[in-house]
Amino acid sequence: MTLDQIYTDGIAVEDETQASHDYSERARRHLWLQMSRMGAYDETNEIPIMVRGEGTRVYDANGKEYFDGLSGLFTNMLGHGRREISIAAAEQMNKMAFFPLWTYAHPTAIELAEKLAALAPGDLNRVFFTTGGAEANESAWKLARQYHRIRGDTDRYKVISRDIAYHGTTMGALTITSLDAYRKPFEPLVPGAVKVPSVNFYRTEKYGDDYDAFGLWSARQIEEAILREGPDTVAAVFLEPVQNAGGCFTPPRSYWREVRAICDRYGVLLVSDDVICAFGRLGTWFGGQKYDYVPDIITCAKGLTAGYAPLGAMIVSDRIAEPFQHEDQSFVHGFTWSGHPVSCAVALASIKIMEDERVLQNVLKNELYFHERLLSLKDLPIVGDIRGTGYFWGVELVKNQTTKETWSGLDAQRLLRGYVSPEMFRRGLICRSDDRGDPVVQLAPPLISTRNDIDHIVGILREVFTGATKLL
């Protein structure tokens, strides 16, 4: 019996439960889950089976409803069930299912490239499509290295990124990533990775009472790294507008102005990793528009198609693209599925919905309300810092609000994996309990979420955090 039959035939709950169990068993035998501890699933701890979505909610094989507080994986911006998007995909499939961008072009890729160039800041007018975010960051590092080499700077190969930051899992992107647990199984990685402090204002020992001064200090850590390594060896700096890993670190505007000036001073390319932050997550199309900076390259994916098809992109300034426009040059890099016609059609339909329904304006209208509702949790002793912007927030959990004492080691495991994560899931809220750094609960709901949805999220968090105080 299939799950579709269960839903259409109205079978009893016990049959739904049996179907869920059957699917879990089949998944354990054959499906290798990503970034997951497969050994954690057994007869008493089944793999959750999600079978359908409707708006901001998803439903498991037992028919239980969950609020999708992480937009799948920072991806499902418009919720589930958008018929306009499925129609656009079907029409493109019927017209032409696939053709590569290797020496050819097709209309949907051209139209989407034009649209992204129009939405991007400054002179970022050239679009190189990929299949996802890691590939976009991999592409950007390769482009930076080849760009410098074409111009005669053959020693520029190094890349600077922040501590704790995540930029993907391909070998180049993993090198830019700064999470030891992800890196160590695959070392040695690509040579040339240089790390600087993350912009964690909550835990800084420098300028802890002056946000802008802290921003300038953080930016100058990049300059010090460039000088330490040798300016003629550094190709690019990779930074997220709001850093995901570690829990929504939001640099002040002073930081971005200084970073831009430093990169210009030493001829280093500034890459804005907007894989999570683009397409409305911060209330703007791209992070640079939120924080008033123009990078040399933007990498993006996830929200580009609102989660309805895989697609990523590297958006490049005219200046960086210019050396590759001569007849004897090419960027010797690509992917078979890059700019897939169906994915491009889906992206165009998604962007049109965002514009027609003023989805970005919905985020901007509600971001202060979201912040205020999260701040209301500060009466709970376990809640430390609240940080983020738009529809992208982190709640850091602490042992002591006054001293900011954190949870670590087995205590953090017991808090997050042992209580917070399963309790949120049991109560019907999907979001991330992140232990890549200090313990943080991350929230990134679909951009169509309402104030009632925000109240629903905060209500569940209050219940879970209240229970977690018993672990103090």
Protein backbone atom coordinates (compact mmCIF):
# COMPACT_ATOMS: atom_id res chain seq x y z
CA MET A 1 0.00 0.00 0.00
CA THR A 2 1.33 3.44 -0.90
CA LEU A 3 1.04 6.62 1.13
CA ASP A 4 -1.03 8.14 -1.68
CA GLN A 5 -3.55 5.33 -1.23
CA ILE A 6 -3.69 6.00 2.48
CA TYR A 7 -4.54 9.66 1.95
CA THR A 8 -7.01 9.10 -0.84
CA ASP A 9 -8.79 6.10 0.67
CA GLY A 10 -9.02 7.39 4.23
CA ILE A 11 -7.42 4.30 5.78
CA ALA A 12 -7.33 4.05 9.57
CA VAL A 13 -4.57 5.67 11.59
CA GLU A 14 -2.96 2.32 12.42
CA ASP A 15 -2.49 1.67 8.70
CA GLU A 16 -0.84 5.07 8.32
CA THR A 17 1.49 4.17 11.18
CA GLN A 18 2.35 0.86 9.54
CA ALA A 19 3.05 2.62 6.24
CA SER A 20 5.34 5.08 8.04
CA HIS A 21 7.17 2.19 9.69
CA ASP A 22 7.54 0.40 6.33
CA TYR A 23 8.97 3.50 4.67
CA SER A 24 11.37 4.04 7.58
CA GLU A 25 12.63 0.48 7.28
CA ARG A 26 13.10 0.81 3.55
CA ALA A 27 14.94 4.10 4.05
CA ARG A 28 17.25 2.54 6.64
CA ARG A 29 18.15 -0.24 4.22
CA HIS A 30 18.71 1.80 1.07
CA LEU A 31 18.64 5.60 1.57
CA TRP A 32 21.79 7.30 2.84
CA LEU A 33 20.64 10.44 4.63
CA GLN A 34 22.78 13.56 4.31
CA MET A 35 24.68 15.04 7.25
CA SER A 36 22.93 12.47 9.47
CA ARG A 37 23.97 9.88 12.02
CA MET A 38 22.48 6.82 10.34
CA GLY A 39 23.18 4.69 13.41
CA ALA A 40 20.79 6.83 15.44
CA TYR A 41 17.79 5.29 13.65
CA ASP A 42 16.47 1.92 14.82
CA GLU A 43 13.21 0.17 15.65
CA THR A 44 12.39 2.67 18.39
CA ASN A 45 13.73 5.79 16.63
CA GLU A 46 12.36 5.80 13.12
CA ILE A 47 13.37 8.08 10.27
CA PRO A 48 10.76 10.86 9.93
CA ILE A 49 8.94 10.47 6.62
CA MET A 50 7.56 13.72 5.17
CA VAL A 51 4.99 13.12 2.48
CA ARG A 52 3.31 16.40 1.56
CA GLY A 53 3.30 20.14 2.09
CA GLU A 54 0.67 22.85 2.06
CA GLY A 55 1.67 26.48 2.43
CA THR A 56 3.97 26.83 5.44
CA ARG A 57 3.10 23.38 6.80
CA VAL A 58 4.40 19.90 6.04
CA TYR A 59 2.88 16.54 7.00
CA ASP A 60 4.49 13.25 7.89
CA ALA A 61 3.40 9.73 6.99
CA ASN A 62 1.25 9.59 10.12
CA GLY A 63 -0.65 12.70 9.08
CA LYS A 64 0.94 14.90 11.76
CA GLU A 65 1.30 18.60 10.88
CA TYR A 66 4.51 20.58 11.34
CA PHE A 67 5.31 24.25 10.86
CA ASP A 68 8.32 24.47 8.55
CA GLY A 69 10.36 26.91 10.60
CA LEU A 70 13.52 26.38 8.55
CA SER A 71 11.97 26.61 5.06
CA GLY A 72 13.18 23.09 4.36
CA LEU A 73 16.80 24.17 4.52
CA PHE A 74 16.54 27.97 4.13
CA THR A 75 15.02 27.22 0.74
CA ASN A 76 11.24 26.95 0.52
CA MET A 77 10.56 30.69 0.45
CA LEU A 78 7.00 30.59 -0.89
CA GLY A 79 5.62 27.55 0.85
CA HIS A 80 4.30 24.40 -0.77
CA GLY A 81 1.66 23.95 -3.45
CA ARG A 82 2.38 26.85 -5.81
CA ARG A 83 0.63 25.76 -8.96
CA GLU A 84 2.10 28.62 -11.00
CA ILE A 85 5.54 27.14 -10.45
CA SER A 86 4.56 23.58 -11.32
CA ILE A 87 2.82 24.83 -14.46
CA ALA A 88 5.94 26.76 -15.50
CA ALA A 89 8.04 23.61 -14.99
CA ALA A 90 5.63 21.44 -16.99
CA GLU A 91 5.43 23.92 -19.85
CA GLN A 92 9.21 24.02 -20.10
CA MET A 93 9.46 20.21 -19.96
CA ASN A 94 6.98 19.95 -22.80
CA LYS A 95 8.89 22.54 -24.81
CA MET A 96 12.47 21.37 -24.16
CA ALA A 97 13.41 19.28 -21.15
CA PHE A 98 17.17 19.80 -21.24
CA PHE A 99 20.03 21.28 -23.19
CA PRO A 100 23.45 22.27 -21.81
CA LEU A 101 25.01 25.71 -21.64
CA TRP A 102 28.30 24.37 -22.99
CA THR A 103 28.77 26.58 -26.11
CA TYR A 104 24.96 26.84 -26.46
CA ALA A 105 22.28 28.95 -24.80
CA HIS A 106 18.54 28.60 -24.31
CA PRO A 107 15.81 31.19 -23.63
CA THR A 108 15.05 30.46 -19.97
CA ALA A 109 18.72 30.74 -18.97
CA ILE A 110 19.04 34.00 -20.91
CA GLU A 111 15.89 35.45 -19.37
CA LEU A 112 16.89 34.42 -15.85
CA ALA A 113 20.41 35.80 -16.26
CA GLU A 114 18.91 39.12 -17.38
CA LYS A 115 16.57 39.13 -14.41
CA LEU A 116 19.31 38.38 -11.89
CA ALA A 117 21.51 41.09 -13.38
CA ALA A 118 18.64 43.55 -12.98
CA LEU A 119 18.08 42.57 -9.34
CA ALA A 120 21.74 42.48 -8.32
CA PRO A 121 23.51 45.60 -7.03
CA GLY A 122 26.11 47.62 -8.91
CA ASP A 123 27.61 46.22 -12.11
CA LEU A 124 27.09 42.54 -11.31
CA ASN A 125 25.72 41.70 -14.74
CA ARG A 126 27.24 38.33 -15.70
CA VAL A 127 25.60 35.12 -14.47
CA PHE A 128 27.29 31.72 -14.37
CA PHE A 129 24.79 29.02 -13.41
CA THR A 130 25.54 26.06 -11.15
CA THR A 131 23.43 23.32 -9.59
CA GLY A 132 23.65 24.55 -5.99
CA GLY A 133 25.40 26.69 -3.40
CA ALA A 134 28.56 24.65 -2.83
CA GLU A 135 29.16 24.55 -6.58
CA ALA A 136 28.63 28.31 -6.75
CA ASN A 137 31.29 28.89 -4.08
CA GLU A 138 33.61 26.36 -5.71
CA SER A 139 33.13 28.23 -8.99
CA ALA A 140 33.83 31.60 -7.38
CA TRP A 141 37.16 30.51 -5.92
CA LYS A 142 38.21 28.99 -9.24
CA LEU A 143 37.12 32.13 -11.08
CA ALA A 144 39.07 34.35 -8.67
CA ARG A 145 42.21 32.28 -9.16
CA GLN A 146 41.94 32.23 -12.94
CA TYR A 147 41.06 35.93 -13.07
CA HIS A 148 44.25 36.86 -11.22
CA ARG A 149 46.31 34.47 -13.34
CA ILE A 150 45.03 35.97 -16.60
CA ARG A 151 46.08 39.40 -15.30
CA GLY A 152 49.56 38.16 -14.45
CA ASP A 153 49.09 37.77 -10.67
CA THR A 154 50.05 34.10 -10.76
CA ASP A 155 50.73 33.81 -7.01
CA ARG A 156 47.21 34.82 -5.92
CA TYR A 157 45.50 31.59 -4.86
CA LYS A 158 44.62 32.00 -1.16
CA VAL A 159 41.15 32.57 0.21
CA ILE A 160 40.09 34.20 3.48
CA SER A 161 36.93 33.25 5.34
CA ARG A 162 35.56 33.52 8.88
CA ASP A 163 35.81 31.07 11.76
CA ILE A 164 32.85 28.68 12.15
CA ALA A 165 31.54 29.69 8.68
CA TYR A 166 30.02 27.14 6.31
CA HIS A 167 30.38 27.52 2.55
CA GLY A 168 29.68 24.01 1.22
CA THR A 169 31.11 20.49 1.09
CA THR A 170 32.85 20.14 -2.27
CA MET A 171 36.63 20.09 -1.75
CA GLY A 172 37.17 23.76 -2.57
CA ALA A 173 34.09 24.98 -0.73
CA LEU A 174 34.98 22.72 2.20
CA THR A 175 38.39 24.35 2.33
CA ILE A 176 36.68 27.75 2.62
CA THR A 177 34.38 26.27 5.30
CA SER A 178 35.75 26.63 8.84
CA LEU A 179 34.09 23.76 10.72
CA ASP A 180 36.63 21.20 11.87
CA ALA A 181 34.13 18.36 12.19
CA TYR A 182 33.30 18.69 8.48
CA ARG A 183 36.89 19.19 7.34
CA LYS A 184 38.99 16.68 9.26
CA PRO A 185 37.69 13.46 7.63
CA PHE A 186 38.79 14.79 4.22
CA GLU A 187 42.12 16.46 4.96
CA PRO A 188 44.43 17.40 3.39
CA LEU A 189 42.20 19.92 1.66
CA VAL A 190 43.00 22.48 -1.03
CA PRO A 191 45.98 24.63 0.03
CA GLY A 192 45.48 28.29 0.76
CA ALA A 193 42.68 28.64 3.33
CA VAL A 194 43.12 31.49 5.81
CA LYS A 195 40.70 32.10 8.70
CA VAL A 196 39.72 35.27 10.56
CA PRO A 197 37.43 35.72 13.60
CA SER A 198 33.68 35.51 13.08
CA VAL A 199 31.60 38.60 13.84
CA ASN A 200 30.16 37.37 17.13
CA PHE A 201 29.41 40.62 18.97
CA TYR A 202 27.73 38.75 21.85
CA ARG A 203 30.97 37.04 22.83
CA THR A 204 33.58 39.56 21.77
CA GLU A 205 36.25 40.80 24.17
CA LYS A 206 36.91 43.76 21.88
CA TYR A 207 34.60 46.79 21.91
CA GLY A 208 31.79 44.85 23.55
CA ASP A 209 29.92 48.09 24.23
CA ASP A 210 30.39 49.64 20.76
CA TYR A 211 28.86 47.78 17.82
CA ASP A 212 30.40 49.94 15.08
CA ALA A 213 33.85 49.91 16.65
CA PHE A 214 33.60 46.13 16.87
CA GLY A 215 32.69 46.05 13.19
CA LEU A 216 35.77 48.05 12.25
CA TRP A 217 37.97 45.83 14.42
CA SER A 218 36.50 42.70 12.79
CA ALA A 219 37.07 44.05 9.29
CA ARG A 220 40.67 44.93 10.10
CA GLN A 221 41.30 41.32 11.07
CA ILE A 222 40.90 40.64 7.35
CA GLU A 223 43.45 43.31 6.50
CA GLU A 224 45.88 41.87 9.03
CA ALA A 225 45.44 38.43 7.48
CA ILE A 226 46.10 39.81 3.99
CA LEU A 227 49.26 41.55 5.17
CA ARG A 228 50.40 38.50 7.11
CA GLU A 229 49.96 36.18 4.13
CA GLY A 230 51.27 38.71 1.60
CA PRO A 231 48.80 40.76 -0.49
CA ASP A 232 50.16 39.30 -3.73
CA THR A 233 49.11 35.78 -2.61
CA VAL A 234 45.45 36.42 -1.66
CA ALA A 235 42.82 35.90 -4.35
CA ALA A 236 39.50 36.41 -2.55
CA VAL A 237 37.60 36.96 0.68
CA PHE A 238 34.41 34.91 1.18
CA LEU A 239 31.82 36.34 3.60
CA GLU A 240 28.13 35.75 4.24
CA PRO A 241 25.99 38.88 4.73
CA VAL A 242 24.66 37.19 7.87
CA GLN A 243 26.76 34.23 8.96
CA ASN A 244 24.70 31.06 9.27
CA ALA A 245 26.88 28.61 11.23
CA GLY A 246 27.23 29.76 14.82
CA GLY A 247 23.79 31.32 14.65
CA CYS A 248 22.99 34.37 12.56
CA PHE A 249 25.95 36.67 13.21
CA THR A 250 25.02 40.13 11.89
CA PRO A 251 27.91 42.55 11.26
CA PRO A 252 27.30 46.30 11.50
CA ARG A 253 27.37 48.47 8.37
CA SER A 254 30.76 49.84 9.42
CA TYR A 255 32.13 46.35 8.89
CA TRP A 256 31.04 46.10 5.28
CA ARG A 257 32.29 49.56 4.30
CA GLU A 258 35.69 48.74 5.74
CA VAL A 259 35.85 45.26 4.17
CA ARG A 260 35.06 46.73 0.76
CA ALA A 261 37.79 49.34 1.17
CA ILE A 262 40.33 46.72 2.30
CA CYS A 263 39.62 44.45 -0.65
CA ASP A 264 39.98 47.38 -3.05
CA ARG A 265 43.21 48.48 -1.37
CA TYR A 266 44.92 45.13 -1.93
CA GLY A 267 43.27 43.99 -5.16
CA VAL A 268 41.44 41.12 -3.45
CA LEU A 269 38.04 40.00 -4.74
CA LEU A 270 35.10 40.25 -2.33
CA VAL A 271 32.74 37.28 -2.67
CA SER A 272 29.36 37.59 -0.96
CA ASP A 273 28.06 34.11 -0.14
CA ASP A 274 24.33 34.78 -0.41
CA VAL A 275 23.33 31.12 -0.68
CA ILE A 276 21.06 31.53 2.35
CA CYS A 277 20.64 35.31 2.52
CA ALA A 278 19.48 36.08 -1.05
CA PHE A 279 15.96 36.20 -2.48
CA GLY A 280 14.22 37.83 0.43
CA ARG A 281 15.59 36.03 3.47
CA LEU A 282 16.86 39.38 4.79
CA GLY A 283 14.05 41.38 3.18
CA THR A 284 16.16 42.30 0.13
CA TRP A 285 17.09 40.47 -3.05
CA PHE A 286 20.73 40.22 -1.98
CA GLY A 287 22.62 40.80 1.25
CA GLY A 288 24.62 43.73 -0.12
CA GLN A 289 21.38 45.68 -0.52
CA LYS A 290 20.62 45.12 3.17
CA TYR A 291 24.04 46.27 4.34
CA ASP A 292 24.96 48.73 1.59
CA TYR A 293 27.94 47.06 -0.07
CA VAL A 294 28.62 45.86 -3.60
CA PRO A 295 30.76 42.70 -3.86
CA ASP A 296 32.72 41.55 -6.89
CA ILE A 297 30.91 38.21 -6.95
CA ILE A 298 27.65 36.98 -5.46
CA THR A 299 27.06 33.27 -4.97
CA CYS A 300 23.47 32.13 -4.52
CA ALA A 301 21.18 29.10 -4.68
CA LYS A 302 18.43 27.81 -2.33
CA GLY A 303 15.76 30.55 -2.53
CA LEU A 304 16.51 31.18 -6.21
CA THR A 305 13.86 28.59 -7.10
CA ALA A 306 11.98 28.74 -3.77
CA GLY A 307 12.97 25.10 -3.34
CA TYR A 308 10.99 23.83 -6.32
CA ALA A 309 14.04 22.74 -8.36
CA PRO A 310 17.84 22.64 -7.87
CA LEU A 311 19.73 25.67 -9.18
CA GLY A 312 22.57 27.94 -8.11
CA ALA A 313 24.38 30.90 -9.64
CA MET A 314 27.52 32.98 -9.49
CA ILE A 315 26.81 36.61 -10.38
CA VAL A 316 29.94 38.44 -11.47
CA SER A 317 30.79 42.11 -11.94
CA ASP A 318 31.57 43.37 -15.43
CA ARG A 319 35.10 44.19 -14.30
CA ILE A 320 35.84 40.62 -13.23
CA ALA A 321 34.15 39.13 -16.29
CA GLU A 322 35.96 41.39 -18.78
CA PRO A 323 39.23 39.39 -19.14
CA PHE A 324 37.18 36.31 -20.07
CA GLN A 325 35.37 38.06 -22.93
CA HIS A 326 38.32 37.93 -25.32
CA GLU A 327 38.37 35.31 -28.06
CA ASP A 328 41.40 33.44 -26.71
CA GLN A 329 40.07 33.09 -23.13
CA SER A 330 37.48 30.93 -21.40
CA PHE A 331 36.62 30.05 -17.82
CA VAL A 332 37.56 26.37 -17.95
CA HIS A 333 34.87 25.16 -15.59
CA GLY A 334 31.25 23.97 -15.72
CA PHE A 335 28.58 21.45 -14.74
CA THR A 336 26.27 19.38 -16.94
CA TRP A 337 23.12 20.48 -15.14
CA SER A 338 24.01 24.16 -14.77
CA GLY A 339 21.22 26.43 -15.94
CA HIS A 340 18.86 23.51 -16.51
CA PRO A 341 15.94 24.86 -18.61
CA VAL A 342 13.30 23.57 -16.19
CA SER A 343 15.08 24.96 -13.14
CA CYS A 344 15.47 28.34 -14.85
CA ALA A 345 11.76 28.38 -15.71
CA VAL A 346 10.97 27.57 -12.08
CA ALA A 347 13.23 30.39 -10.87
CA LEU A 348 11.58 32.92 -13.18
CA ALA A 349 8.14 31.87 -11.93
CA SER A 350 9.28 32.07 -8.30
CA ILE A 351 10.77 35.55 -8.70
CA LYS A 352 7.59 36.74 -10.42
CA ILE A 353 5.49 35.54 -7.48
CA MET A 354 7.80 37.33 -5.07
CA GLU A 355 7.39 40.55 -7.02
CA ASP A 356 3.64 40.24 -7.63
CA GLU A 357 2.83 39.35 -4.02
CA ARG A 358 5.36 41.80 -2.51
CA VAL A 359 6.93 38.99 -0.51
CA LEU A 360 10.07 40.94 0.36
CA GLN A 361 7.89 43.71 1.75
CA ASN A 362 6.18 41.13 3.96
CA VAL A 363 9.55 40.25 5.48
CA LEU A 364 10.49 43.89 6.06
CA LYS A 365 7.07 44.64 7.53
CA ASN A 366 7.38 41.82 10.06
CA GLU A 367 11.09 41.66 10.92
CA LEU A 368 10.81 44.05 13.89
CA TYR A 369 7.76 42.15 15.17
CA PHE A 370 9.68 38.88 14.82
CA HIS A 371 12.56 40.35 16.82
CA GLU A 372 10.31 41.72 19.54
CA ARG A 373 8.49 38.42 19.96
CA LEU A 374 11.79 36.55 20.27
CA LEU A 375 13.05 39.11 22.78
CA SER A 376 10.04 38.27 24.93
CA LEU A 377 11.74 34.92 25.61
CA LYS A 378 14.52 36.67 27.51
CA ASP A 379 12.56 36.22 30.74
CA LEU A 380 13.63 32.56 30.56
CA PRO A 381 17.06 32.04 32.18
CA ILE A 382 18.24 29.72 29.42
CA VAL A 383 17.89 32.38 26.68
CA GLY A 384 21.07 34.37 26.04
CA ASP A 385 21.45 36.32 22.81
CA ILE A 386 18.77 37.03 20.16
CA ARG A 387 20.31 38.00 16.82
CA GLY A 388 19.46 38.14 13.15
CA THR A 389 17.37 40.15 10.72
CA GLY A 390 14.54 39.70 8.24
CA TYR A 391 13.24 36.14 8.50
CA PHE A 392 16.60 34.77 9.71
CA TRP A 393 17.06 34.59 13.49
CA GLY A 394 19.11 32.76 16.09
CA VAL A 395 18.44 32.24 19.79
CA GLU A 396 21.59 31.35 21.73
CA LEU A 397 21.04 29.16 24.79
CA VAL A 398 23.17 29.66 27.90
CA LYS A 399 23.61 28.23 31.36
CA ASN A 400 23.77 31.68 32.90
CA GLN A 401 22.41 34.88 31.34
CA THR A 402 24.61 37.17 33.44
CA THR A 403 27.94 35.47 32.87
CA LYS A 404 27.01 34.13 29.38
CA GLU A 405 28.32 30.72 30.44
CA THR A 406 27.70 28.38 27.55
CA TRP A 407 26.87 24.72 27.16
CA SER A 408 29.65 22.55 25.79
CA GLY A 409 30.60 18.93 25.21
CA LEU A 410 28.18 16.38 26.61
CA ASP A 411 26.08 19.10 28.24
CA ALA A 412 25.43 20.68 24.83
CA GLN A 413 24.60 17.28 23.34
CA ARG A 414 22.18 16.57 26.16
CA LEU A 415 20.54 19.97 25.75
CA LEU A 416 20.20 20.08 21.97
CA ARG A 417 20.00 16.48 20.78
CA GLY A 418 18.61 15.08 23.99
CA TYR A 419 15.87 17.62 24.65
CA VAL A 420 15.42 20.76 22.54
CA SER A 421 15.41 19.19 19.06
CA PRO A 422 13.09 16.25 19.84
CA GLU A 423 10.77 18.46 21.88
CA MET A 424 10.36 21.02 19.11
CA PHE A 425 9.69 18.23 16.64
CA ARG A 426 7.21 16.54 18.97
CA ARG A 427 5.34 19.83 19.30
CA GLY A 428 5.20 20.31 15.53
CA LEU A 429 7.98 22.83 14.89
CA ILE A 430 10.81 22.16 12.46
CA CYS A 431 13.85 24.38 12.95
CA ARG A 432 17.54 23.88 13.59
CA SER A 433 19.30 23.27 16.89
CA ASP A 434 22.83 24.16 15.88
CA ASP A 435 25.89 23.03 17.82
CA ARG A 436 28.45 24.34 15.32
CA GLY A 437 29.71 26.79 17.88
CA ASP A 438 27.73 27.76 20.97
CA PRO A 439 24.24 26.18 21.16
CA VAL A 440 21.75 28.11 19.02
CA VAL A 441 18.23 27.51 17.78
CA GLN A 442 17.85 28.92 14.26
CA LEU A 443 14.64 30.12 12.66
CA ALA A 444 14.11 30.81 8.96
CA PRO A 445 10.42 30.39 8.12
CA PRO A 446 8.95 30.73 4.62
CA LEU A 447 8.81 34.36 3.55
CA ILE A 448 5.02 34.23 3.28
CA SER A 449 4.74 33.60 7.04
CA THR A 450 2.39 35.89 8.93
CA ARG A 451 2.48 37.41 12.41
CA ASN A 452 0.21 34.57 13.55
CA ASP A 453 2.87 32.16 12.30
CA ILE A 454 5.54 34.06 14.24
CA ASP A 455 3.39 33.87 17.38
CA HIS A 456 2.99 30.13 16.80
CA ILE A 457 6.76 29.66 16.52
CA VAL A 458 7.53 31.71 19.64
CA GLY A 459 4.80 29.95 21.60
CA ILE A 460 6.38 26.55 20.94
CA LEU A 461 9.86 27.87 21.72
CA ARG A 462 8.60 29.18 25.06
CA GLU A 463 7.21 25.76 25.95
CA VAL A 464 10.41 23.97 24.95
CA PHE A 465 12.80 26.44 26.58
CA THR A 466 10.73 26.40 29.78
CA GLY A 467 11.19 22.64 29.89
CA ALA A 468 14.89 22.98 29.12
CA THR A 469 15.43 25.22 32.17
CA LYS A 470 15.11 22.08 34.26
CA LEU A 471 18.47 21.02 32.82
CA LEU A 472 20.21 24.07 34.31
